[in-house]
């Protein structure tokens, strides 16, 4: 095999600064589109983006040429730049510095994607998954 063959799936989660409810529905759509475009520009394939007014989940298939840290930096940086410089959101928009990143096997990718795509309902109904939410929230609170 001349080219590497990989299936590197990562579930990434991060929140707004102080978990403020800054991501209104209309803004979320623009932010998600920006995240999608940034991933594509870096050779990553987005399988799902979802969230609420204070955090974002992304399931992404990583290329071998980009680290998780660099991809997350680009996703967060480009989306906050969009909000602050192109959409002129008030108050100033920014993400918290940290993030959670979890490897996902292809066999559970569909389950993770469905969970991500239904974030609003999970939070509204109290059906969030400890495995997909709490681990990174515990770290944020340290």
Protein backbone atom coordinates (compact mmCIF):
# COMPACT_ATOMS: atom_id res chain seq x y z
CA UNK A 1 0.00 0.00 0.00
CA UNK A 2 1.60 3.26 -1.12
CA UNK A 3 -0.72 5.65 0.73
CA UNK A 4 -1.62 5.44 4.41
CA UNK A 5 -5.11 4.16 5.12
CA UNK A 6 -6.62 5.50 8.31
CA UNK A 7 -10.00 5.89 9.94
CA UNK A 8 -9.33 8.37 12.73
CA UNK A 9 -12.58 9.63 14.22
CA UNK A 10 -12.54 12.18 17.04
CA UNK A 11 -15.45 13.62 19.03
CA UNK A 12 -14.49 17.15 20.06
CA UNK A 13 -16.41 19.27 22.59
CA UNK A 14 -15.82 22.84 23.75
CA UNK A 15 -17.80 25.65 25.31
CA UNK A 16 -18.25 29.38 25.19
CA UNK A 17 -16.37 31.55 27.65
CA UNK A 18 -17.78 30.91 31.14
CA UNK A 19 -20.44 28.78 29.39
CA UNK A 20 -22.36 31.94 28.56
CA UNK A 21 -25.42 31.35 26.32
CA UNK A 22 -23.92 33.21 23.33
CA UNK A 23 -24.78 30.76 20.56
CA UNK A 24 -28.28 31.76 19.50
CA UNK A 25 -29.96 29.51 16.92
CA UNK A 26 -29.18 31.83 14.00
CA UNK A 27 -25.60 32.29 15.11
CA UNK A 28 -25.13 28.55 15.60
CA UNK A 29 -25.90 27.87 11.95
CA UNK A 30 -23.23 30.34 10.81
CA UNK A 31 -20.68 29.05 13.33
CA UNK A 32 -21.32 25.43 12.31
CA UNK A 33 -20.88 26.34 8.63
CA UNK A 34 -17.60 28.07 9.47
CA UNK A 35 -16.37 25.04 11.45
CA UNK A 36 -17.32 22.75 8.56
CA UNK A 37 -15.46 24.92 6.04
CA UNK A 38 -12.35 25.11 8.22
CA UNK A 39 -12.28 21.33 8.63
CA UNK A 40 -12.65 20.79 4.90
CA UNK A 41 -9.84 23.26 4.22
CA UNK A 42 -7.60 21.19 6.50
CA UNK A 43 -8.56 17.87 4.92
CA UNK A 44 -10.84 16.73 7.75
CA UNK A 45 -14.34 15.40 7.15
CA UNK A 46 -17.12 16.49 9.48
CA UNK A 47 -19.66 13.77 10.24
CA UNK A 48 -21.76 15.82 12.64
CA UNK A 49 -21.96 19.20 14.38
CA UNK A 50 -24.40 20.04 17.15
CA UNK A 51 -24.67 21.87 20.41
CA UNK A 52 -26.59 24.30 22.52
CA UNK A 53 -26.33 27.99 23.33
CA UNK A 54 -23.14 27.38 25.33
CA UNK A 55 -21.22 24.49 23.77
CA UNK A 56 -20.41 22.64 20.54
CA UNK A 57 -19.83 18.98 19.67
CA UNK A 58 -18.10 17.95 16.43
CA UNK A 59 -17.51 14.42 15.12
CA UNK A 60 -14.65 14.66 12.65
CA UNK A 61 -12.62 12.20 10.64
CA UNK A 62 -9.03 13.36 10.96
CA UNK A 63 -6.43 13.36 8.21
CA UNK A 64 -2.99 12.01 9.09
CA UNK A 65 -1.44 15.40 8.35
CA UNK A 66 -3.13 17.40 11.12
CA UNK A 67 -3.05 17.01 14.90
CA UNK A 68 -6.17 17.26 17.04
CA UNK A 69 -4.76 20.35 18.77
CA UNK A 70 -4.16 22.19 15.48
CA UNK A 71 -7.58 21.27 14.09
CA UNK A 72 -9.38 22.42 17.26
CA UNK A 73 -7.35 25.65 17.32
CA UNK A 74 -8.40 26.35 13.72
CA UNK A 75 -12.07 25.48 14.31
CA UNK A 76 -12.29 27.68 17.39
CA UNK A 77 -10.18 30.51 15.98
CA UNK A 78 -11.94 30.81 12.63
CA UNK A 79 -15.41 30.64 14.19
CA UNK A 80 -14.69 33.25 16.86
CA UNK A 81 -13.13 35.49 14.20
CA UNK A 82 -16.28 35.11 12.09
CA UNK A 83 -18.54 36.12 14.97
CA UNK A 84 -16.44 39.05 16.18
CA UNK A 85 -15.19 40.51 12.91
CA UNK A 86 -17.75 39.62 10.27
CA UNK A 87 -21.00 39.27 12.21
CA UNK A 88 -20.06 41.89 14.84
CA UNK A 89 -21.72 40.06 17.69
CA UNK A 90 -22.26 41.85 20.98
CA UNK A 91 -21.06 41.07 23.58
CA UNK A 92 -17.61 39.98 22.44
CA UNK A 93 -17.68 36.30 21.56
CA UNK A 94 -14.99 33.90 22.68
CA UNK A 95 -14.52 30.24 23.44
CA UNK A 96 -13.07 28.79 26.63
CA UNK A 97 -9.44 27.78 26.27
CA UNK A 98 -9.89 24.07 26.83
CA UNK A 99 -11.68 21.33 24.97
CA UNK A 100 -12.39 17.62 25.20
CA UNK A 101 -11.34 15.22 22.45
CA UNK A 102 -12.32 11.56 22.43
CA UNK A 103 -11.41 8.90 19.91
CA UNK A 104 -14.38 7.07 18.45
CA UNK A 105 -14.38 3.71 16.69
CA UNK A 106 -16.16 3.51 13.37
CA UNK A 107 -18.56 0.95 14.86
CA UNK A 108 -20.02 3.53 17.29
CA UNK A 109 -19.66 6.53 15.00
CA UNK A 110 -23.33 6.48 14.00
CA UNK A 111 -24.42 6.53 17.66
CA UNK A 112 -22.09 9.42 18.46
CA UNK A 113 -23.26 11.32 15.38
CA UNK A 114 -26.93 10.90 16.32
CA UNK A 115 -26.16 12.09 19.84
CA UNK A 116 -24.35 15.17 18.52
CA UNK A 117 -27.06 16.04 16.03
CA UNK A 118 -29.72 15.93 18.79
CA UNK A 119 -27.94 18.05 21.39
CA UNK A 120 -30.78 20.50 21.98
CA UNK A 121 -33.28 17.71 22.64
CA UNK A 122 -30.89 15.81 24.93
CA UNK A 123 -30.30 18.91 27.05
CA UNK A 124 -33.96 19.92 27.08
CA UNK A 125 -35.14 16.40 28.03
CA UNK A 126 -32.29 15.62 30.43
CA UNK A 127 -31.11 12.65 28.33
CA UNK A 128 -27.48 13.72 28.03
CA UNK A 129 -24.86 10.97 28.08
CA UNK A 130 -22.34 11.00 30.90
CA UNK A 131 -19.76 9.48 28.55
CA UNK A 132 -20.20 12.24 25.99
CA UNK A 133 -20.73 15.27 28.25
CA UNK A 134 -19.46 14.96 31.81
CA UNK A 135 -15.86 13.93 31.24
CA UNK A 136 -14.93 17.22 29.61
CA UNK A 137 -17.15 19.29 31.95
CA UNK A 138 -15.38 17.78 34.98
CA UNK A 139 -12.03 18.81 33.50
CA UNK A 140 -13.32 22.36 32.80
CA UNK A 141 -14.31 22.68 36.46
CA UNK A 142 -10.86 21.71 37.82
